[in-house]
PDB file of N, CA and C in Angstrom:
ATOM      1  N   MET A   1     167.041-152.033  -5.815  1.00  0.00           N
ATOM      2  CA  MET A   1     167.813-150.736  -5.454  1.00  0.00           C
ATOM      3  C   MET A   1     168.660-151.042  -4.357  1.00  0.00           C
ATOM      4  N   GLU A   2     170.017-150.886  -4.582  1.00  0.00           N
ATOM      5  CA  GLU A   2     170.940-151.011  -3.508  1.00  0.00           C
ATOM      6  C   GLU A   2     170.756-149.823  -2.471  1.00  0.00           C
ATOM      7  N   GLU A   3     171.193-150.006  -1.374  1.00  0.00           N
ATOM      8  CA  GLU A   3     171.139-149.070  -0.277  1.00  0.00           C
ATOM      9  C   GLU A   3     172.045-147.656  -0.729  1.00  0.00           C
ATOM     10  N   ASN A   4     173.022-148.026  -1.339  1.00  0.00           N
ATOM     11  CA  ASN A   4     173.862-146.761  -1.768  1.00  0.00           C
ATOM     12  C   ASN A   4     173.131-145.986  -2.799  1.00  0.00           C
ATOM     13  N   GLU A   5     172.541-146.767  -3.823  1.00  0.00           N
ATOM     14  CA  GLU A   5     171.873-146.028  -4.924  1.00  0.00           C
ATOM     15  C   GLU A   5     170.731-145.204  -4.418  1.00  0.00           C
ATOM     16  N   LEU A   6     169.881-145.798  -3.307  1.00  0.00           N
ATOM     17  CA  LEU A   6     168.945-145.145  -2.562  1.00  0.00           C
ATOM     18  C   LEU A   6     169.498-143.781  -1.784  1.00  0.00           C
ATOM     19  N   LEU A   7     170.579-144.024  -1.255  1.00  0.00           N
ATOM     20  CA  LEU A   7     171.289-142.759  -0.543  1.00  0.00           C
ATOM     21  C   LEU A   7     171.675-141.765  -1.650  1.00  0.00           C
ATOM     22  N   GLU A   8     172.068-142.298  -2.797  1.00  0.00           N
ATOM     23  CA  GLU A   8     172.577-141.168  -3.655  1.00  0.00           C
ATOM     24  C   GLU A   8     171.315-140.328  -4.378  1.00  0.00           C
ATOM     25  N   GLU A   9     170.347-141.129  -4.490  1.00  0.00           N
ATOM     26  CA  GLU A   9     169.096-140.739  -5.047  1.00  0.00           C
ATOM     27  C   GLU A   9     168.422-139.663  -4.180  1.00  0.00           C
ATOM     28  N   ILE A  10     168.292-139.844  -2.843  1.00  0.00           N
ATOM     29  CA  ILE A  10     167.601-139.084  -1.932  1.00  0.00           C
ATOM     30  C   ILE A  10     168.675-138.507  -1.008  1.00  0.00           C
ATOM     31  N   SER A  11     169.740-138.356  -1.359  1.00  0.00           N
ATOM     32  CA  SER A  11     170.715-137.671  -0.216  1.00  0.00           C
ATOM     33  C   SER A  11     170.664-136.254  -0.293  1.00  0.00           C
ATOM     34  N   LEU A  12     170.121-135.551  -1.250  1.00  0.00           N
ATOM     35  CA  LEU A  12     169.991-134.043  -1.308  1.00  0.00           C
ATOM     36  C   LEU A  12     168.332-133.844  -1.473  1.00  0.00           C
ATOM     37  N   VAL A  13     167.867-133.075  -0.492  1.00  0.00           N
ATOM     38  CA  VAL A  13     166.524-133.014  -0.438  1.00  0.00           C
ATOM     39  C   VAL A  13     166.296-131.376  -0.306  1.00  0.00           C
ATOM     40  N   GLU A  14     165.432-130.800  -1.144  1.00  0.00           N
ATOM     41  CA  GLU A  14     165.212-129.407  -0.873  1.00  0.00           C
ATOM     42  C   GLU A  14     164.554-128.930   0.387  1.00  0.00           C
ATOM     43  N   LEU A  15     164.985-128.345   1.110  1.00  0.00           N
ATOM     44  CA  LEU A  15     164.521-127.890   2.601  1.00  0.00           C
ATOM     45  C   LEU A  15     164.714-126.519   2.765  1.00  0.00           C
ATOM     46  N   THR A  16     164.157-125.913   3.746  1.00  0.00           N
ATOM     47  CA  THR A  16     164.447-124.697   4.221  1.00  0.00           C
ATOM     48  C   THR A  16     165.222-124.707   5.544  1.00  0.00           C
ATOM     49  N   CYS A  17     166.333-124.292   5.631  1.00  0.00           N
ATOM     50  CA  CYS A  17     167.276-124.245   6.853  1.00  0.00           C
ATOM     51  C   CYS A  17     166.756-123.512   7.949  1.00  0.00           C
ATOM     52  N   SER A  18     166.499-124.075   9.143  1.00  0.00           N
ATOM     53  CA  SER A  18     166.046-123.288  10.287  1.00  0.00           C
ATOM     54  C   SER A  18     167.188-122.535  10.796  1.00  0.00           C
ATOM     55  N   ILE A  19     168.399-122.800  10.451  1.00  0.00           N
ATOM     56  CA  ILE A  19     169.364-121.964  11.026  1.00  0.00           C
ATOM     57  C   ILE A  19     169.946-120.927  10.272  1.00  0.00           C
ATOM     58  N   CYS A  20     170.327-121.117   9.010  1.00  0.00           N
ATOM     59  CA  CYS A  20     170.767-120.043   8.048  1.00  0.00           C
ATOM     60  C   CYS A  20     169.699-119.263   7.460  1.00  0.00           C
ATOM     61  N   GLY A  21     168.426-119.758   7.394  1.00  0.00           N
ATOM     62  CA  GLY A  21     167.334-119.119   6.967  1.00  0.00           C
ATOM     63  C   GLY A  21     167.155-118.851   5.522  1.00  0.00           C
ATOM     64  N   ARG A  22     168.063-119.734   4.646  1.00  0.00           N
ATOM     65  CA  ARG A  22     167.998-119.646   3.323  1.00  0.00           C
ATOM     66  C   ARG A  22     166.611-120.396   2.862  1.00  0.00           C
ATOM     67  N   PRO A  23     166.118-119.701   1.880  1.00  0.00           N
ATOM     68  CA  PRO A  23     164.732-120.349   1.580  1.00  0.00           C
ATOM     69  C   PRO A  23     164.858-121.847   1.013  1.00  0.00           C
ATOM     70  N   VAL A  24     166.045-122.206   0.323  1.00  0.00           N
ATOM     71  CA  VAL A  24     166.216-123.605   0.070  1.00  0.00           C
ATOM     72  C   VAL A  24     167.687-123.933   0.271  1.00  0.00           C
ATOM     73  N   ALA A  25     167.876-124.825   1.046  1.00  0.00           N
ATOM     74  CA  ALA A  25     169.108-125.356   1.465  1.00  0.00           C
ATOM     75  C   ALA A  25     169.145-126.904   1.267  1.00  0.00           C
ATOM     76  N   HIS A  26     170.250-127.464   0.961  1.00  0.00           N
ATOM     77  CA  HIS A  26     170.202-128.998   0.831  1.00  0.00           C
ATOM     78  C   HIS A  26     170.783-129.742   2.113  1.00  0.00           C
ATOM     79  N   LEU A  27     169.917-130.446   2.654  1.00  0.00           N
ATOM     80  CA  LEU A  27     170.332-131.330   3.837  1.00  0.00           C
ATOM     81  C   LEU A  27     170.641-132.731   3.384  1.00  0.00           C
ATOM     82  N   LYS A  28     171.986-132.976   3.561  1.00  0.00           N
ATOM     83  CA  LYS A  28     172.551-134.284   3.122  1.00  0.00           C
ATOM     84  C   LYS A  28     172.217-135.335   3.986  1.00  0.00           C
ATOM     85  N   TYR A  29     172.354-136.563   3.766  1.00  0.00           N
ATOM     86  CA  TYR A  29     171.755-137.734   4.518  1.00  0.00           C
ATOM     87  C   TYR A  29     172.580-137.653   5.800  1.00  0.00           C
ATOM     88  N   ASP A  30     173.684-137.134   5.937  1.00  0.00           N
ATOM     89  CA  ASP A  30     174.510-137.072   7.184  1.00  0.00           C
ATOM     90  C   ASP A  30     173.990-135.860   8.169  1.00  0.00           C
ATOM     91  N   SER A  31     172.821-135.219   7.740  1.00  0.00           N
ATOM     92  CA  SER A  31     172.114-134.371   8.492  1.00  0.00           C
ATOM     93  C   SER A  31     172.968-132.953   8.761  1.00  0.00           C
ATOM     94  N   THR A  32     173.451-132.627   7.517  1.00  0.00           N
ATOM     95  CA  THR A  32     174.365-131.256   7.425  1.00  0.00           C
ATOM     96  C   THR A  32     173.842-130.376   6.295  1.00  0.00           C
ATOM     97  N   CYS A  33     173.671-129.106   6.584  1.00  0.00           N
ATOM     98  CA  CYS A  33     172.992-128.280   5.779  1.00  0.00           C
ATOM     99  C   CYS A  33     174.189-127.749   4.798  1.00  0.00           C
ATOM    100  N   SER A  34     173.996-127.829   3.437  1.00  0.00           N
ATOM    101  CA  SER A  34     175.020-127.624   2.500  1.00  0.00           C
ATOM    102  C   SER A  34     175.239-126.070   2.608  1.00  0.00           C
ATOM    103  N   ALA A  35     174.284-125.206   2.932  1.00  0.00           N
ATOM    104  CA  ALA A  35     174.354-123.745   2.704  1.00  0.00           C
ATOM    105  C   ALA A  35     175.336-123.177   3.950  1.00  0.00           C
ATOM    106  N   CYS A  36     174.816-123.621   5.261  1.00  0.00           N
ATOM    107  CA  CYS A  36     175.662-122.988   6.203  1.00  0.00           C
ATOM    108  C   CYS A  36     176.570-123.959   7.005  1.00  0.00           C
ATOM    109  N   GLY A  37     176.478-125.251   6.628  1.00  0.00           N
ATOM    110  CA  GLY A  37     177.326-126.330   7.344  1.00  0.00           C
ATOM    111  C   GLY A  37     176.922-126.705   8.777  1.00  0.00           C
ATOM    112  N   PHE A  38     175.641-126.271   9.037  1.00  0.00           N
ATOM    113  CA  PHE A  38     175.229-126.688  10.406  1.00  0.00           C
ATOM    114  C   PHE A  38     174.822-128.089  10.428  1.00  0.00           C
ATOM    115  N   GLU A  39     175.281-128.829  11.474  1.00  0.00           N
ATOM    116  CA  GLU A  39     175.004-130.331  11.620  1.00  0.00           C
ATOM    117  C   GLU A  39     173.781-130.507  12.554  1.00  0.00           C
ATOM    118  N   TYR A  40     172.725-130.937  12.119  1.00  0.00           N
ATOM    119  CA  TYR A  40     171.512-131.255  12.981  1.00  0.00           C
ATOM    120  C   TYR A  40     171.854-132.357  13.708  1.00  0.00           C
ATOM    121  N   ALA A  41     171.336-132.352  15.071  1.00  0.00           N
ATOM    122  CA  ALA A  41     171.611-133.381  16.118  1.00  0.00           C
ATOM    123  C   ALA A  41     170.537-134.650  15.768  1.00  0.00           C
ATOM    124  N   LEU A  42     170.743-135.101  14.541  1.00  0.00           N
ATOM    125  CA  LEU A  42     169.934-136.393  14.142  1.00  0.00           C
ATOM    126  C   LEU A  42     171.020-137.455  13.994  1.00  0.00           C
ATOM    127  N   PRO A  43     170.682-138.665  14.717  1.00  0.00           N
ATOM    128  CA  PRO A  43     171.509-139.768  14.183  1.00  0.00           C
ATOM    129  C   PRO A  43     171.320-140.101  12.668  1.00  0.00           C
ATOM    130  N   PRO A  44     172.156-140.707  12.158  1.00  0.00           N
ATOM    131  CA  PRO A  44     171.981-140.962  10.495  1.00  0.00           C
ATOM    132  C   PRO A  44     170.609-141.734  10.259  1.00  0.00           C
ATOM    133  N   VAL A  45     170.267-142.712  11.011  1.00  0.00           N
ATOM    134  CA  VAL A  45     169.080-143.329  10.660  1.00  0.00           C
ATOM    135  C   VAL A  45     167.851-142.222  10.827  1.00  0.00           C
ATOM    136  N   ASP A  46     167.734-141.511  11.833  1.00  0.00           N
ATOM    137  CA  ASP A  46     166.815-140.656  12.053  1.00  0.00           C
ATOM    138  C   ASP A  46     166.914-139.529  11.010  1.00  0.00           C
ATOM    139  N   GLY A  47     168.058-139.205  10.515  1.00  0.00           N
ATOM    140  CA  GLY A  47     168.167-138.183   9.495  1.00  0.00           C
ATOM    141  C   GLY A  47     167.801-138.830   8.282  1.00  0.00           C
ATOM    142  N   MET A  48     167.965-139.961   8.023  1.00  0.00           N
ATOM    143  CA  MET A  48     167.390-140.669   6.843  1.00  0.00           C
ATOM    144  C   MET A  48     166.076-140.592   6.706  1.00  0.00           C
ATOM    145  N   ASN A  49     165.440-141.040   7.959  1.00  0.00           N
ATOM    146  CA  ASN A  49     163.903-141.089   8.039  1.00  0.00           C
ATOM    147  C   ASN A  49     163.304-139.622   7.699  1.00  0.00           C
ATOM    148  N   PHE A  50     164.023-138.646   8.369  1.00  0.00           N
ATOM    149  CA  PHE A  50     163.608-137.321   8.152  1.00  0.00           C
ATOM    150  C   PHE A  50     163.649-136.843   6.612  1.00  0.00           C
ATOM    151  N   LEU A  51     164.687-137.347   6.050  1.00  0.00           N
ATOM    152  CA  LEU A  51     164.894-136.969   4.630  1.00  0.00           C
ATOM    153  C   LEU A  51     163.692-137.692   3.756  1.00  0.00           C
ATOM    154  N   LEU A  52     163.462-139.162   4.213  1.00  0.00           N
ATOM    155  CA  LEU A  52     162.362-139.709   3.542  1.00  0.00           C
ATOM    156  C   LEU A  52     161.056-139.143   3.656  1.00  0.00           C
ATOM    157  N   VAL A  53     160.791-138.614   4.877  1.00  0.00           N
ATOM    158  CA  VAL A  53     159.443-137.959   5.113  1.00  0.00           C
ATOM    159  C   VAL A  53     159.379-136.738   4.239  1.00  0.00           C
ATOM    160  N   LYS A  54     160.501-135.863   4.247  1.00  0.00           N
ATOM    161  CA  LYS A  54     160.500-134.643   3.477  1.00  0.00           C
ATOM    162  C   LYS A  54     160.273-135.008   2.123  1.00  0.00           C
ATOM    163  N   THR A  55     161.041-136.011   1.598  1.00  0.00           N
ATOM    164  CA  THR A  55     160.880-136.444   0.040  1.00  0.00           C
ATOM    165  C   THR A  55     159.389-136.632  -0.185  1.00  0.00           C
ATOM    166  N   LEU A  56     158.716-137.501   0.901  1.00  0.00           N
ATOM    167  CA  LEU A  56     157.415-137.927   0.431  1.00  0.00           C
ATOM    168  C   LEU A  56     156.523-136.873   0.464  1.00  0.00           C
ATOM    169  N   GLU A  57     156.801-135.803   1.513  1.00  0.00           N
ATOM    170  CA  GLU A  57     155.997-134.662   1.415  1.00  0.00           C
ATOM    171  C   GLU A  57     156.103-133.763   0.110  1.00  0.00           C
ATOM    172  N   THR A  58     157.212-133.680  -0.340  1.00  0.00           N
ATOM    173  CA  THR A  58     157.594-132.964  -1.563  1.00  0.00           C
ATOM    174  C   THR A  58     156.688-133.753  -2.628  1.00  0.00           C
ATOM    175  N   HIS A  59     156.778-134.969  -2.753  1.00  0.00           N
ATOM    176  CA  HIS A  59     156.215-135.709  -3.815  1.00  0.00           C
ATOM    177  C   HIS A  59     154.730-135.535  -3.707  1.00  0.00           C
ATOM    178  N   ALA A  60     154.298-135.603  -2.496  1.00  0.00           N
ATOM    179  CA  ALA A  60     152.767-135.542  -2.171  1.00  0.00           C
ATOM    180  C   ALA A  60     152.339-134.162  -2.580  1.00  0.00           C
ATOM    181  N   LEU A  61     153.017-133.160  -2.204  1.00  0.00           N
ATOM    182  CA  LEU A  61     152.631-131.896  -2.648  1.00  0.00           C
ATOM    183  C   LEU A  61     152.658-131.801  -4.242  1.00  0.00           C
ATOM    184  N   LYS A  62     153.582-132.339  -4.983  1.00  0.00           N
ATOM    185  CA  LYS A  62     153.581-132.332  -6.270  1.00  0.00           C
ATOM    186  C   LYS A  62     152.196-133.072  -7.057  1.00  0.00           C
ATOM    187  N   LEU A  63     152.098-134.059  -6.361  1.00  0.00           N
ATOM    188  CA  LEU A  63     151.066-135.040  -6.736  1.00  0.00           C
ATOM    189  C   LEU A  63     149.749-134.160  -6.521  1.00  0.00           C
ATOM    190  N   ASP A  64     149.648-133.463  -5.485  1.00  0.00           N
ATOM    191  CA  ASP A  64     148.357-132.659  -5.296  1.00  0.00           C
ATOM    192  C   ASP A  64     148.273-131.487  -6.249  1.00  0.00           C
ATOM    193  N   GLU A  65     149.459-130.894  -6.556  1.00  0.00           N
ATOM    194  CA  GLU A  65     149.429-129.868  -7.632  1.00  0.00           C
ATOM    195  C   GLU A  65     149.005-130.517  -8.996  1.00  0.00           C
ATOM    196  N   ILE A  66     149.413-131.774  -9.248  1.00  0.00           N
ATOM    197  CA  ILE A  66     149.206-132.242 -10.610  1.00  0.00           C
ATOM    198  C   ILE A  66     147.769-132.557 -10.673  1.00  0.00           C
ATOM    199  N   GLN A  67     147.089-133.172  -9.531  1.00  0.00           N
ATOM    200  CA  GLN A  67     145.731-133.407  -9.534  1.00  0.00           C
ATOM    201  C   GLN A  67     144.875-132.203  -9.535  1.00  0.00           C
ATOM    202  N   ASN A  68     145.255-131.157  -8.917  1.00  0.00           N
ATOM    203  CA  ASN A  68     144.600-129.980  -9.051  1.00  0.00           C
ATOM    204  C   ASN A  68     144.620-129.331 -10.649  1.00  0.00           C
ATOM    205  N   GLN A  69     145.795-129.525 -10.993  1.00  0.00           N
ATOM    206  CA  GLN A  69     145.876-129.050 -12.451  1.00  0.00           C
ATOM    207  C   GLN A  69     144.925-129.830 -13.404  1.00  0.00           C
ATOM    208  N   ILE A  70     144.876-131.080 -13.097  1.00  0.00           N
ATOM    209  CA  ILE A  70     144.044-132.052 -14.022  1.00  0.00           C
ATOM    210  C   ILE A  70     142.504-131.761 -13.763  1.00  0.00           C
ATOM    211  N   HIS A  71     142.223-131.284 -12.415  1.00  0.00           N
ATOM    212  CA  HIS A  71     140.751-130.998 -12.204  1.00  0.00           C
ATOM    213  C   HIS A  71     140.507-129.651 -12.855  1.00  0.00           C
ATOM    214  N   ALA A  72     141.250-128.713 -12.776  1.00  0.00           N
ATOM    215  CA  ALA A  72     141.165-127.330 -13.206  1.00  0.00           C
ATOM    216  C   ALA A  72     140.977-127.495 -14.862  1.00  0.00           C
ATOM    217  N   THR A  73     141.944-128.336 -15.425  1.00  0.00           N
ATOM    218  CA  THR A  73     141.897-128.569 -16.821  1.00  0.00           C
ATOM    219  C   THR A  73     140.564-129.232 -17.232  1.00  0.00           C
ATOM    220  N   SER A  74     140.047-130.272 -16.469  1.00  0.00           N
ATOM    221  CA  SER A  74     138.813-130.831 -16.768  1.00  0.00           C
ATOM    222  C   SER A  74     137.760-129.836 -16.712  1.00  0.00           C
ATOM    223  N   ILE A  75     137.611-128.948 -15.769  1.00  0.00           N
ATOM    224  CA  ILE A  75     136.569-128.036 -15.750  1.00  0.00           C
ATOM    225  C   ILE A  75     136.681-127.231 -16.919  1.00  0.00           C
ATOM    226  N   GLU A  76     137.862-126.620 -17.265  1.00  0.00           N
ATOM    227  CA  GLU A  76     137.937-125.804 -18.405  1.00  0.00           C
ATOM    228  C   GLU A  76     137.375-126.606 -19.655  1.00  0.00           C
ATOM    229  N   LEU A  77     137.834-127.878 -19.825  1.00  0.00           N
ATOM    230  CA  LEU A  77     137.412-128.528 -21.040  1.00  0.00           C
ATOM    231  C   LEU A  77     135.825-128.784 -20.968  1.00  0.00           C
ATOM    232  N   VAL A  78     135.151-129.062 -19.828  1.00  0.00           N
ATOM    233  CA  VAL A  78     133.725-129.239 -19.795  1.00  0.00           C
ATOM    234  C   VAL A  78     133.170-127.672 -20.148  1.00  0.00           C
ATOM    235  N   ASN A  79     133.597-126.565 -19.772  1.00  0.00           N
ATOM    236  CA  ASN A  79     133.421-125.247 -20.045  1.00  0.00           C
ATOM    237  C   ASN A  79     133.400-125.086 -21.654  1.00  0.00           C
ATOM    238  N   GLU A  80     134.597-125.372 -22.165  1.00  0.00           N
ATOM    239  CA  GLU A  80     134.800-125.167 -23.633  1.00  0.00           C
ATOM    240  C   GLU A  80     133.806-126.052 -24.306  1.00  0.00           C
ATOM    241  N   LYS A  81     133.476-127.283 -23.897  1.00  0.00           N
ATOM    242  CA  LYS A  81     132.452-128.210 -24.687  1.00  0.00           C
ATOM    243  C   LYS A  81     131.185-127.510 -24.646  1.00  0.00           C
ATOM    244  N   LYS A  82     130.827-126.741 -23.550  1.00  0.00           N
ATOM    245  CA  LYS A  82     129.495-126.066 -23.403  1.00  0.00           C
ATOM    246  C   LYS A  82     129.420-125.012 -24.425  1.00  0.00           C
ATOM    247  N   HIS A  83     130.650-124.200 -24.326  1.00  0.00           N
ATOM    248  CA  HIS A  83     130.653-122.948 -25.113  1.00  0.00           C
ATOM    249  C   HIS A  83     130.697-123.359 -26.699  1.00  0.00           C
ATOM    250  N   THR A  84     131.256-124.557 -26.953  1.00  0.00           N
ATOM    251  CA  THR A  84     131.444-125.031 -28.429  1.00  0.00           C
ATOM    252  C   THR A  84     129.959-125.399 -28.720  1.00  0.00           C
ATOM    253  N   ALA A  85     129.142-126.121 -27.947  1.00  0.00           N
ATOM    254  CA  ALA A  85     127.771-126.410 -28.204  1.00  0.00           C
ATOM    255  C   ALA A  85     126.903-125.126 -28.450  1.00  0.00           C
ATOM    256  N   GLU A  86     127.231-124.229 -27.626  1.00  0.00           N
ATOM    257  CA  GLU A  86     126.391-122.894 -27.936  1.00  0.00           C
ATOM    258  C   GLU A  86     126.678-122.288 -29.162  1.00  0.00           C
ATOM    259  N   LEU A  87     127.914-122.215 -29.348  1.00  0.00           N
ATOM    260  CA  LEU A  87     128.275-121.684 -30.697  1.00  0.00           C
ATOM    261  C   LEU A  87     127.691-122.576 -31.906  1.00  0.00           C
ATOM    262  N   GLN A  88     127.779-123.737 -31.703  1.00  0.00           N
ATOM    263  CA  GLN A  88     127.195-124.634 -32.802  1.00  0.00           C
ATOM    264  C   GLN A  88     125.677-124.415 -33.007  1.00  0.00           C
ATOM    265  N   ASP A  89     124.986-124.099 -31.759  1.00  0.00           N
ATOM    266  CA  ASP A  89     123.550-123.792 -31.989  1.00  0.00           C
ATOM    267  C   ASP A  89     123.372-122.528 -32.721  1.00  0.00           C
ATOM    268  N   GLN A  90     124.235-121.518 -32.441  1.00  0.00           N
ATOM    269  CA  GLN A  90     124.226-120.096 -32.934  1.00  0.00           C
ATOM    270  C   GLN A  90     124.346-120.308 -34.431  1.00  0.00           C
ATOM    271  N   VAL A  91     125.390-121.142 -34.941  1.00  0.00           N
ATOM    272  CA  VAL A  91     125.804-121.275 -36.283  1.00  0.00           C
ATOM    273  C   VAL A  91     124.547-122.125 -36.889  1.00  0.00           C
ATOM    274  N   GLU A  92     123.890-122.991 -36.411  1.00  0.00           N
ATOM    275  CA  GLU A  92     122.735-123.620 -36.994  1.00  0.00           C
ATOM    276  C   GLU A  92     121.582-122.564 -37.185  1.00  0.00           C
ATOM    277  N   ARG A  93     121.356-121.827 -36.239  1.00  0.00           N
ATOM    278  CA  ARG A  93     120.351-120.790 -36.284  1.00  0.00           C
ATOM    279  C   ARG A  93     120.651-119.690 -37.463  1.00  0.00           C
ATOM    280  N   LEU A  94     121.912-119.369 -37.497  1.00  0.00           N
ATOM    281  CA  LEU A  94     122.341-118.419 -38.723  1.00  0.00           C
ATOM    282  C   LEU A  94     122.125-119.097 -40.036  1.00  0.00           C
ATOM    283  N   TYR A  95     122.314-120.428 -40.115  1.00  0.00           N
ATOM    284  CA  TYR A  95     122.037-121.039 -41.357  1.00  0.00           C
ATOM    285  C   TYR A  95     120.498-121.172 -41.729  1.00  0.00           C
ATOM    286  N   GLU A  96     119.781-121.361 -40.630  1.00  0.00           N
ATOM    287  CA  GLU A  96     118.315-121.342 -40.876  1.00  0.00           C
ATOM    288  C   GLU A  96     117.837-119.866 -41.498  1.00  0.00           C
ATOM    289  N   LYS A  97     118.369-118.910 -40.794  1.00  0.00           N
ATOM    290  CA  LYS A  97     118.128-117.484 -41.175  1.00  0.00           C
ATOM    291  C   LYS A  97     118.615-117.266 -42.587  1.00  0.00           C
ATOM    292  N   LEU A  98     119.872-117.650 -42.816  1.00  0.00           N
ATOM    293  CA  LEU A  98     120.465-117.455 -44.134  1.00  0.00           C
ATOM    294  C   LEU A  98     119.373-118.264 -45.317  1.00  0.00           C
ATOM    295  N   GLY A  99     118.866-119.460 -44.763  1.00  0.00           N
ATOM    296  CA  GLY A  99     117.991-120.298 -45.741  1.00  0.00           C
ATOM    297  C   GLY A  99     116.670-119.230 -46.047  1.00  0.00           C
ATOM    298  N   GLU A 100     116.251-118.725 -44.920  1.00  0.00           N
ATOM    299  CA  GLU A 100     114.925-117.918 -45.061  1.00  0.00           C
ATOM    300  C   GLU A 100     115.213-116.659 -45.946  1.00  0.00           C
ATOM    301  N   ILE A 101     116.433-115.999 -45.666  1.00  0.00           N
ATOM    302  CA  ILE A 101     116.623-114.836 -46.493  1.00  0.00           C
ATOM    303  C   ILE A 101     116.882-115.384 -47.974  1.00  0.00           C
ATOM    304  N   THR A 102     117.420-116.471 -48.180  1.00  0.00           N
ATOM    305  CA  THR A 102     117.699-116.918 -49.524  1.00  0.00           C
ATOM    306  C   THR A 102     116.291-117.251 -50.227  1.00  0.00           C
ATOM    307  N   GLU A 103     115.450-117.810 -49.403  1.00  0.00           N
ATOM    308  CA  GLU A 103     113.951-117.999 -49.891  1.00  0.00           C
ATOM    309  C   GLU A 103     113.351-116.605 -50.377  1.00  0.00           C
ATOM    310  N   SER A 104     113.482-115.718 -49.519  1.00  0.00           N
ATOM    311  CA  SER A 104     112.862-114.427 -49.659  1.00  0.00           C
ATOM    312  C   SER A 104     113.543-113.714 -50.924  1.00  0.00           C
ATOM    313  N   VAL A 105     114.933-113.876 -51.156  1.00  0.00           N
ATOM    314  CA  VAL A 105     115.493-113.208 -52.294  1.00  0.00           C
ATOM    315  C   VAL A 105     114.998-113.909 -53.566  1.00  0.00           C
ATOM    316  N   ASP A 106     114.875-115.171 -53.531  1.00  0.00           N
ATOM    317  CA  ASP A 106     114.400-115.990 -54.553  1.00  0.00           C
ATOM    318  C   ASP A 106     112.906-115.594 -54.999  1.00  0.00           C
ATOM    319  N   GLY A 107     112.196-115.241 -54.015  1.00  0.00           N
ATOM    320  CA  GLY A 107     110.691-114.885 -54.260  1.00  0.00           C
ATOM    321  C   GLY A 107     110.772-113.508 -54.831  1.00  0.00           C
ATOM    322  N   VAL A 108     111.756-112.462 -54.392  1.00  0.00           N
ATOM    323  CA  VAL A 108     111.764-111.148 -55.042  1.00  0.00           C
ATOM    324  C   VAL A 108     112.259-111.325 -56.498  1.00  0.00           C
ATOM    325  N   ARG A 109     113.125-112.258 -56.614  1.00  0.00           N
ATOM    326  CA  ARG A 109     113.627-112.346 -58.063  1.00  0.00           C
ATOM    327  C   ARG A 109     112.363-112.824 -58.977  1.00  0.00           C
ATOM    328  N   GLY A 110     111.712-113.856 -58.323  1.00  0.00           N
ATOM    329  CA  GLY A 110     110.474-114.345 -59.219  1.00  0.00           C
ATOM    330  C   GLY A 110     109.563-113.157 -59.414  1.00  0.00           C
ATOM    331  N   LEU A 111     109.328-112.379 -58.454  1.00  0.00           N
ATOM    332  CA  LEU A 111     108.416-111.317 -58.598  1.00  0.00           C
ATOM    333  C   LEU A 111     108.887-110.323 -59.797  1.00  0.00           C
ATOM    334  N   ILE A 112     110.234-110.118 -59.625  1.00  0.00           N
ATOM    335  CA  ILE A 112     110.904-109.189 -60.638  1.00  0.00           C
ATOM    336  C   ILE A 112     110.572-109.693 -61.993  1.00  0.00           C
ATOM    337  N   LYS A 113     110.862-110.972 -62.231  1.00  0.00           N
ATOM    338  CA  LYS A 113     110.877-111.592 -63.494  1.00  0.00           C
ATOM    339  C   LYS A 113     109.328-111.544 -63.962  1.00  0.00           C
ATOM    340  N   THR A 114     108.351-111.649 -62.913  1.00  0.00           N
ATOM    341  CA  THR A 114     106.912-111.492 -63.451  1.00  0.00           C
ATOM    342  C   THR A 114     106.682-110.178 -63.835  1.00  0.00           C
ATOM    343  N   LEU A 115     107.153-109.172 -63.054  1.00  0.00           N
ATOM    344  CA  LEU A 115     106.751-107.919 -63.279  1.00  0.00           C
ATOM    345  C   LEU A 115     107.509-107.115 -64.520  1.00  0.00           C
ATOM    346  N   GLN A 116     108.571-107.561 -64.818  1.00  0.00           N
ATOM    347  CA  GLN A 116     109.420-107.124 -65.843  1.00  0.00           C
ATOM    348  C   GLN A 116     108.558-107.022 -67.286  1.00  0.00           C
ATOM    349  N   PRO A 117     107.989-107.935 -67.743  1.00  0.00           N
ATOM    350  CA  PRO A 117     107.211-107.803 -68.914  1.00  0.00           C
ATOM    351  C   PRO A 117     106.180-106.690 -68.951  1.00  0.00           C
ATOM    352  N   LEU A 118     105.396-106.650 -67.702  1.00  0.00           N
ATOM    353  CA  LEU A 118     104.431-105.730 -67.467  1.00  0.00           C
ATOM    354  C   LEU A 118     104.882-104.346 -67.699  1.00  0.00           C
ATOM    355  N   VAL A 119     106.033-104.121 -66.846  1.00  0.00           N
ATOM    356  CA  VAL A 119     106.802-102.813 -66.845  1.00  0.00           C
ATOM    357  C   VAL A 119     107.057-102.349 -68.252  1.00  0.00           C
ATOM    358  N   LYS A 120     107.611-103.237 -69.096  1.00  0.00           N
ATOM    359  CA  LYS A 120     108.101-102.913 -70.359  1.00  0.00           C
ATOM    360  C   LYS A 120     106.868-102.717 -71.344  1.00  0.00           C
ATOM    361  N   GLN A 121     105.665-103.239 -70.974  1.00  0.00           N
ATOM    362  CA  GLN A 121     104.435-103.011 -71.902  1.00  0.00           C
ATOM    363  C   GLN A 121     103.897-101.572 -71.526  1.00  0.00           C
ATOM    364  N   THR A 122     104.132-101.268 -70.100  1.00  0.00           N
ATOM    365  CA  THR A 122     103.434 -99.956 -69.841  1.00  0.00           C
ATOM    366  C   THR A 122     104.260 -98.816 -70.221  1.00  0.00           C
ATOM    367  N   ARG A 123     105.591 -99.100 -70.555  1.00  0.00           N
ATOM    368  CA  ARG A 123     106.423 -98.027 -70.974  1.00  0.00           C
ATOM    369  C   ARG A 123     105.941 -97.556 -72.395  1.00  0.00           C
TER     370      ARG A 123
END
């Protein structure tokens, strides 16, 4: 990448201007605040180094935010897997109980079939 392309890419960096107090001002590579026009007393090389440091800090913060989001999402995923396993256990227990109820109902049906002829005879 040529030097001019690099300058164009990082010539505007989001900063808070200490002079105009605006929350976000753009400091050009020539060390001038685009919000208030204040010229910082930084030589161009120092100004560029300053911008590079600010750019790296911004990217480091974004990287930290992304890593924190990944960590939080991983924790949520683990919790969801635990919850899913608990729900699966509950479903399996419900199926077992349903099987027991079905067996009981089948037993009652068998008993009814057995007792029906006797009831008819006693009438």
